[in-house]
Amino acid sequence: MPGKEPLMVRAAEPLGAAAGALWRALPVLLGWALVSVGAWLAWPPAGFLTAGGLLLADQVADRITTRRRPG
């Protein structure tokens, strides 16, 4: 019967989807962290500026690609 499954069975699909999304995002996040830490080692404010610039660039790229997708 639907709805009578144990909690772990019902939670498996959403947890698997979340884990898959994090696994796909890991290389990007690791790259951002390494670039920002490298800039921070050269000059501490540069690390924060680099991290902010990368996040802004990601948001702009996401909005551009979202507009171009057929709806």
N, C-alpha and C. Protein backbone atom coordinates (compact mmCIF):
# COMPACT_ATOMS: atom_id res chain seq x y z
N MET A 1 0.83 -1.19 0.00
CA MET A 1 0.00 0.00 0.00
C MET A 1 0.87 1.25 0.00
N PRO A 2 0.53 2.22 -0.82
CA PRO A 2 1.29 3.48 -0.81
C PRO A 2 1.14 4.19 0.53
N GLY A 3 2.23 4.76 0.98
CA GLY A 3 2.21 5.50 2.24
C GLY A 3 2.53 4.64 3.44
N LYS A 4 2.61 3.33 3.25
CA LYS A 4 2.88 2.42 4.36
C LYS A 4 4.34 1.97 4.39
N GLU A 5 5.16 2.49 3.45
CA GLU A 5 6.54 2.08 3.42
C GLU A 5 7.29 2.69 4.62
N PRO A 6 8.36 2.05 5.05
CA PRO A 6 9.17 2.62 6.13
C PRO A 6 9.77 3.97 5.71
N LEU A 7 10.12 4.76 6.68
CA LEU A 7 10.65 6.10 6.43
C LEU A 7 11.90 6.05 5.55
N MET A 8 12.78 5.10 5.77
CA MET A 8 14.00 5.02 4.97
C MET A 8 13.70 4.76 3.50
N VAL A 9 12.69 3.99 3.21
CA VAL A 9 12.31 3.70 1.83
C VAL A 9 11.76 4.96 1.17
N ARG A 10 10.92 5.70 1.89
CA ARG A 10 10.35 6.94 1.34
C ARG A 10 11.39 8.02 1.17
N ALA A 11 12.40 8.04 2.03
CA ALA A 11 13.43 9.08 1.99
C ALA A 11 14.56 8.76 1.02
N ALA A 12 14.62 7.55 0.52
CA ALA A 12 15.75 7.14 -0.32
C ALA A 12 15.84 7.95 -1.60
N GLU A 13 14.73 8.18 -2.29
CA GLU A 13 14.78 8.91 -3.56
C GLU A 13 15.19 10.37 -3.38
N PRO A 14 14.57 11.13 -2.45
CA PRO A 14 15.00 12.52 -2.29
C PRO A 14 16.44 12.65 -1.80
N LEU A 15 16.85 11.76 -0.91
CA LEU A 15 18.22 11.81 -0.42
C LEU A 15 19.22 11.44 -1.52
N GLY A 16 18.85 10.49 -2.36
CA GLY A 16 19.71 10.12 -3.48
C GLY A 16 19.83 11.25 -4.48
N ALA A 17 18.74 11.95 -4.73
CA ALA A 17 18.78 13.10 -5.66
C ALA A 17 19.66 14.21 -5.10
N ALA A 18 19.54 14.48 -3.81
CA ALA A 18 20.37 15.52 -3.19
C ALA A 18 21.84 15.12 -3.22
N ALA A 19 22.14 13.87 -2.93
CA ALA A 19 23.53 13.41 -2.96
C ALA A 19 24.09 13.50 -4.37
N GLY A 20 23.29 13.17 -5.38
CA GLY A 20 23.74 13.27 -6.77
C GLY A 20 24.03 14.70 -7.17
N ALA A 21 23.17 15.63 -6.74
CA ALA A 21 23.38 17.05 -7.06
C ALA A 21 24.66 17.56 -6.41
N LEU A 22 24.88 17.19 -5.16
CA LEU A 22 26.10 17.62 -4.47
C LEU A 22 27.34 17.00 -5.12
N TRP A 23 27.23 15.75 -5.55
CA TRP A 23 28.37 15.08 -6.19
C TRP A 23 28.73 15.77 -7.51
N ARG A 24 27.71 16.21 -8.28
CA ARG A 24 27.98 16.91 -9.54
C ARG A 24 28.52 18.31 -9.29
N ALA A 25 28.14 18.95 -8.19
CA ALA A 25 28.59 20.31 -7.89
C ALA A 25 29.96 20.33 -7.21
N LEU A 26 30.41 19.21 -6.70
CA LEU A 26 31.66 19.17 -5.94
C LEU A 26 32.87 19.68 -6.70
N PRO A 27 33.12 19.29 -7.95
CA PRO A 27 34.29 19.81 -8.65
C PRO A 27 34.28 21.34 -8.80
N VAL A 28 33.11 21.90 -9.06
CA VAL A 28 33.00 23.35 -9.21
C VAL A 28 33.28 24.04 -7.88
N LEU A 29 32.67 23.54 -6.81
CA LEU A 29 32.89 24.14 -5.50
C LEU A 29 34.34 24.02 -5.06
N LEU A 30 34.95 22.89 -5.34
CA LEU A 30 36.36 22.70 -4.99
C LEU A 30 37.24 23.65 -5.79
N GLY A 31 36.93 23.84 -7.07
CA GLY A 31 37.70 24.78 -7.88
C GLY A 31 37.58 26.20 -7.37
N TRP A 32 36.35 26.61 -7.02
CA TRP A 32 36.17 27.96 -6.47
C TRP A 32 36.96 28.13 -5.19
N ALA A 33 36.92 27.13 -4.33
CA ALA A 33 37.64 27.21 -3.06
C ALA A 33 39.14 27.31 -3.29
N LEU A 34 39.67 26.52 -4.20
CA LEU A 34 41.11 26.55 -4.45
C LEU A 34 41.56 27.88 -5.05
N VAL A 35 40.79 28.42 -5.98
CA VAL A 35 41.14 29.71 -6.57
C VAL A 35 41.08 30.80 -5.51
N SER A 36 40.05 30.80 -4.69
CA SER A 36 39.90 31.83 -3.66
C SER A 36 40.99 31.72 -2.59
N VAL A 37 41.31 30.52 -2.18
CA VAL A 37 42.38 30.35 -1.18
C VAL A 37 43.73 30.75 -1.76
N GLY A 38 43.95 30.41 -3.02
CA GLY A 38 45.21 30.82 -3.65
C GLY A 38 45.34 32.33 -3.72
N ALA A 39 44.27 33.02 -4.06
CA ALA A 39 44.30 34.48 -4.08
C ALA A 39 44.46 35.03 -2.67
N TRP A 40 43.82 34.39 -1.70
CA TRP A 40 43.93 34.83 -0.31
C TRP A 40 45.36 34.69 0.21
N LEU A 41 46.05 33.64 -0.23
CA LEU A 41 47.44 33.47 0.20
C LEU A 41 48.33 34.58 -0.33
N ALA A 42 48.02 35.08 -1.52
CA ALA A 42 48.80 36.18 -2.08
C ALA A 42 48.49 37.48 -1.36
N TRP A 43 47.21 37.74 -1.09
CA TRP A 43 46.78 38.96 -0.43
C TRP A 43 45.38 38.69 0.13
N PRO A 44 45.22 38.65 1.45
CA PRO A 44 43.94 38.21 2.04
C PRO A 44 42.68 38.86 1.46
N PRO A 45 42.61 40.18 1.23
CA PRO A 45 41.36 40.70 0.63
C PRO A 45 41.09 40.16 -0.78
N ALA A 46 42.13 39.76 -1.49
CA ALA A 46 41.94 39.22 -2.84
C ALA A 46 41.14 37.92 -2.82
N GLY A 47 41.28 37.15 -1.77
CA GLY A 47 40.51 35.91 -1.66
C GLY A 47 39.02 36.18 -1.58
N PHE A 48 38.64 37.17 -0.79
CA PHE A 48 37.22 37.53 -0.67
C PHE A 48 36.70 38.14 -1.97
N LEU A 49 37.51 38.98 -2.60
CA LEU A 49 37.10 39.58 -3.88
C LEU A 49 36.93 38.50 -4.95
N THR A 50 37.84 37.55 -4.98
CA THR A 50 37.76 36.47 -5.96
C THR A 50 36.53 35.61 -5.73
N ALA A 51 36.29 35.25 -4.48
CA ALA A 51 35.11 34.42 -4.17
C ALA A 51 33.82 35.15 -4.55
N GLY A 52 33.73 36.41 -4.22
CA GLY A 52 32.54 37.18 -4.58
C GLY A 52 32.37 37.30 -6.08
N GLY A 53 33.48 37.54 -6.79
CA GLY A 53 33.41 37.64 -8.25
C GLY A 53 32.99 36.33 -8.89
N LEU A 54 33.48 35.22 -8.38
CA LEU A 54 33.08 33.92 -8.93
C LEU A 54 31.60 33.63 -8.68
N LEU A 55 31.11 33.99 -7.50
CA LEU A 55 29.70 33.78 -7.21
C LEU A 55 28.80 34.65 -8.09
N LEU A 56 29.21 35.90 -8.28
CA LEU A 56 28.45 36.78 -9.17
C LEU A 56 28.45 36.26 -10.60
N ALA A 57 29.60 35.81 -11.07
CA ALA A 57 29.70 35.28 -12.43
C ALA A 57 28.81 34.04 -12.59
N ASP A 58 28.75 33.22 -11.57
CA ASP A 58 27.89 32.03 -11.62
C ASP A 58 26.42 32.43 -11.71
N GLN A 59 26.01 33.42 -10.94
CA GLN A 59 24.61 33.87 -10.98
C GLN A 59 24.26 34.46 -12.34
N VAL A 60 25.16 35.25 -12.91
CA VAL A 60 24.90 35.83 -14.23
C VAL A 60 24.80 34.73 -15.28
N ALA A 61 25.72 33.78 -15.25
CA ALA A 61 25.70 32.69 -16.22
C ALA A 61 24.42 31.86 -16.07
N ASP A 62 23.99 31.62 -14.85
CA ASP A 62 22.77 30.85 -14.63
C ASP A 62 21.55 31.58 -15.16
N ARG A 63 21.48 32.88 -14.97
CA ARG A 63 20.32 33.64 -15.46
C ARG A 63 20.32 33.73 -16.97
N ILE A 64 21.49 33.83 -17.57
CA ILE A 64 21.56 33.88 -19.04
C ILE A 64 21.09 32.56 -19.64
N THR A 65 21.56 31.45 -19.09
CA THR A 65 21.17 30.14 -19.63
C THR A 65 19.70 29.85 -19.34
N THR A 66 19.17 30.36 -18.23
CA THR A 66 17.76 30.14 -17.90
C THR A 66 16.86 30.86 -18.90
N ARG A 67 17.24 32.06 -19.31
CA ARG A 67 16.44 32.83 -20.27
C ARG A 67 16.41 32.18 -21.64
N ARG A 68 17.48 31.52 -22.02
CA ARG A 68 17.59 30.93 -23.36
C ARG A 68 16.89 29.59 -23.48
N ARG A 69 16.56 28.96 -22.37
CA ARG A 69 15.88 27.65 -22.43
C ARG A 69 14.45 27.84 -22.91
N PRO A 70 14.04 27.00 -23.84
CA PRO A 70 12.64 27.09 -24.25
C PRO A 70 11.72 26.66 -23.11
N GLY A 71 10.71 27.44 -22.86
CA GLY A 71 9.88 27.26 -21.69
C GLY A 71 8.76 26.35 -21.79
